[in-house]
Amino acid sequence: MSDVIEKIREFIEPLLVDTDMFIVSIKIKPTNNVKVFLDADEGLSISKSASINRQLRKQIEETELLPVEDYSLEVSSPGVDEPLVNFRQYKKNVGRTVLVTLTDGTEHTGVLKELTEEQLVLEVKIPKKKETTLVEVPMANIKSTVVQIIF
C-alpha cells in the first residue's frame, strides 16, 4: 500500500504548485477507500478540494493505479479534531488556542504565540489567577497538538 500512497503523492504534488495548498496525509483503507487530507494557508475551500479530486481521479483511472470500479476517493481538509502534523499547519494556527500533549503525557492548553522549527511558545492561563505565563515546548517533546474550538 505504501507504494500506492507514494504514487498518489506524486500525482498530487504537481497539482499544488503555485497554490497555498499542501498535503497533510494520505490514507488508504483495505477497501480501497483513498482519503487525501489537504490544508491551505488561507483555508481549503470546497471548490479547491473538488478540483484536486477531479484531477487526481483522472490520473488514478488513466494509470489504472486502483481498480476503476472498486475504489473511492475523498479529498478534504482534516477534521477540526485532528492533530496538527506539519510545520505549515502549526504556522497557520498561531494565535489560536491549542491543546498540546507531550510524550510524557503532560498537557498544556494555551494560545499558540510563537513558533520555530525547534519549539513553540504557549500563553497559558494560571488556574485560579487572572494571570498568564509563557510555556516553551520543544517540538521533539510533542506527542500531539489539537486546535481547540472556543465558543
Protein backbone atom coordinates (compact mmCIF):
# COMPACT_ATOMS: atom_id res chain seq x y z
CA MET A 1 0.00 0.00 0.00
CA SER A 2 2.88 2.41 0.70
CA ASP A 3 3.85 2.31 -2.98
CA VAL A 4 0.29 3.32 -3.95
CA ILE A 5 0.35 6.13 -1.38
CA GLU A 6 3.67 7.34 -2.78
CA LYS A 7 2.30 7.27 -6.33
CA ILE A 8 -0.78 9.27 -5.24
CA ARG A 9 1.56 11.78 -3.56
CA GLU A 10 3.48 12.05 -6.87
CA PHE A 11 0.18 12.74 -8.68
CA ILE A 12 -0.92 15.42 -6.20
CA GLU A 13 2.26 17.42 -5.67
CA PRO A 14 2.32 18.98 -9.18
CA LEU A 15 -1.35 19.96 -8.75
CA LEU A 16 -0.44 22.00 -5.67
CA VAL A 17 2.38 24.01 -7.25
CA ASP A 18 1.57 27.73 -7.34
CA THR A 19 -1.21 27.28 -4.77
CA ASP A 20 -1.30 27.75 -0.99
CA MET A 21 -2.40 24.12 -0.56
CA PHE A 22 -0.28 21.34 0.94
CA ILE A 23 -0.62 17.64 1.74
CA VAL A 24 -1.32 16.73 5.36
CA SER A 25 -1.71 12.97 4.90
CA ILE A 26 -2.83 10.23 2.55
CA LYS A 27 -4.51 7.08 3.86
CA ILE A 28 -5.84 4.01 2.10
CA LYS A 29 -8.16 1.56 3.82
CA PRO A 30 -8.14 -2.13 2.81
CA THR A 31 -11.41 -1.50 0.95
CA ASN A 32 -9.53 0.83 -1.48
CA ASN A 33 -11.02 3.89 0.21
CA VAL A 34 -8.44 6.61 -0.53
CA LYS A 35 -8.52 9.61 1.80
CA VAL A 36 -6.39 12.61 0.91
CA PHE A 37 -6.19 15.31 3.55
CA LEU A 38 -5.07 18.71 2.31
CA ASP A 39 -4.80 22.06 4.01
CA ALA A 40 -4.16 25.57 2.74
CA ASP A 41 -2.54 28.62 4.26
CA GLU A 42 -5.70 30.64 3.55
CA GLY A 43 -8.16 27.80 4.20
CA LEU A 44 -9.22 24.90 1.99
CA SER A 45 -12.42 25.66 0.12
CA ILE A 46 -14.78 23.02 -1.22
CA SER A 47 -14.03 24.15 -4.77
CA LYS A 48 -10.28 23.69 -4.25
CA SER A 49 -10.69 20.16 -2.86
CA ALA A 50 -13.23 19.25 -5.59
CA SER A 51 -10.81 20.41 -8.28
CA ILE A 52 -7.98 18.30 -6.84
CA ASN A 53 -10.37 15.35 -6.50
CA ARG A 54 -11.34 15.51 -10.20
CA GLN A 55 -7.74 15.82 -11.40
CA LEU A 56 -6.48 13.07 -9.08
CA ARG A 57 -9.35 10.70 -10.02
CA LYS A 58 -8.47 11.16 -13.70
CA GLN A 59 -4.82 10.28 -13.08
CA ILE A 60 -5.69 7.23 -10.96
CA GLU A 61 -8.02 5.91 -13.65
CA GLU A 62 -5.68 6.69 -16.58
CA THR A 63 -2.81 4.82 -14.91
CA GLU A 64 -5.07 2.06 -13.54
CA LEU A 65 -3.39 2.55 -10.18
CA LEU A 66 -6.51 1.19 -8.47
CA PRO A 67 -9.36 -0.93 -9.88
CA VAL A 68 -11.68 1.59 -11.57
CA GLU A 69 -14.91 0.08 -10.22
CA ASP A 70 -13.50 -0.79 -6.81
CA TYR A 71 -12.18 2.34 -5.10
CA SER A 72 -13.45 5.54 -3.57
CA LEU A 73 -11.63 8.85 -3.34
CA GLU A 74 -12.14 11.58 -0.77
CA VAL A 75 -10.19 14.84 -0.84
CA SER A 76 -10.83 17.10 2.14
CA SER A 77 -9.25 19.03 4.94
CA PRO A 78 -8.52 17.16 8.17
CA GLY A 79 -11.28 17.39 10.74
CA VAL A 80 -11.12 20.04 13.45
CA ASP A 81 -10.30 17.35 15.99
CA GLU A 82 -7.33 16.01 14.03
CA PRO A 83 -3.85 16.74 15.41
CA LEU A 84 -1.54 19.12 13.59
CA VAL A 85 1.11 17.11 11.75
CA ASN A 86 3.37 19.58 9.95
CA PHE A 87 5.01 22.95 10.46
CA ARG A 88 2.72 24.76 7.99
CA GLN A 89 -0.32 23.68 10.00
CA TYR A 90 1.26 24.97 13.20
CA LYS A 91 2.20 28.23 11.47
CA LYS A 92 -1.33 28.93 10.20
CA ASN A 93 -2.71 28.35 13.72
CA VAL A 94 -0.54 30.90 15.57
CA GLY A 95 -2.93 32.95 17.70
CA ARG A 96 -5.37 30.08 18.25
CA THR A 97 -5.92 28.02 21.39
CA VAL A 98 -4.35 24.56 21.23
CA LEU A 99 -4.08 21.51 23.45
CA VAL A 100 -0.53 20.19 23.41
CA THR A 101 0.09 16.68 24.74
CA LEU A 102 3.71 15.88 25.50
CA THR A 103 5.37 12.50 25.10
CA ASP A 104 5.37 12.12 28.92
CA GLY A 105 1.56 12.60 29.00
CA THR A 106 1.64 16.18 30.34
CA GLU A 107 -0.91 18.50 28.71
CA HIS A 108 -0.86 22.26 28.19
CA THR A 109 -3.76 24.31 26.85
CA GLY A 110 -2.98 27.81 25.73
CA VAL A 111 -2.72 30.28 22.90
CA LEU A 112 -0.01 29.43 20.37
CA LYS A 113 2.04 32.65 20.48
CA GLU A 114 5.32 31.83 18.73
CA LEU A 115 6.76 29.05 16.67
CA THR A 116 10.12 27.91 15.37
CA GLU A 117 11.20 24.58 13.88
CA GLU A 118 12.58 23.67 17.33
CA GLN A 119 9.89 24.86 19.73
CA LEU A 120 6.57 26.54 20.25
CA VAL A 121 5.55 29.06 22.88
CA LEU A 122 2.14 28.90 24.54
CA GLU A 123 0.44 31.58 26.61
CA VAL A 124 -1.17 29.54 29.38
CA LYS A 125 -3.65 30.83 31.97
CA ILE A 126 -2.64 30.19 35.57
CA PRO A 127 -5.51 28.39 37.33
CA LYS A 128 -7.38 30.49 39.93
CA LYS A 129 -5.47 33.64 38.95
CA LYS A 130 -6.07 36.26 36.31
CA GLU A 131 -2.53 35.87 35.05
CA THR A 132 -0.86 34.06 32.20
CA THR A 133 2.58 32.58 31.75
CA LEU A 134 4.57 31.63 28.70
CA VAL A 135 5.44 27.96 28.34
CA GLU A 136 8.16 26.90 25.90
CA VAL A 137 7.67 23.43 24.46
CA PRO A 138 10.35 21.69 22.40
CA MET A 139 8.82 20.24 19.21
CA ALA A 140 10.68 16.98 19.89
CA ASN A 141 8.65 16.52 23.11
CA ILE A 142 5.22 16.92 21.47
CA LYS A 143 3.07 13.84 21.04
CA SER A 144 0.10 15.75 19.57
CA THR A 145 -1.33 19.23 19.17
CA VAL A 146 -5.03 19.80 18.56
CA VAL A 147 -6.66 23.17 17.86
CA GLN A 148 -9.40 23.88 20.39
CA ILE A 149 -12.71 25.30 19.23
CA ILE A 150 -13.70 28.14 21.56
CA PHE A 151 -17.32 29.34 21.61
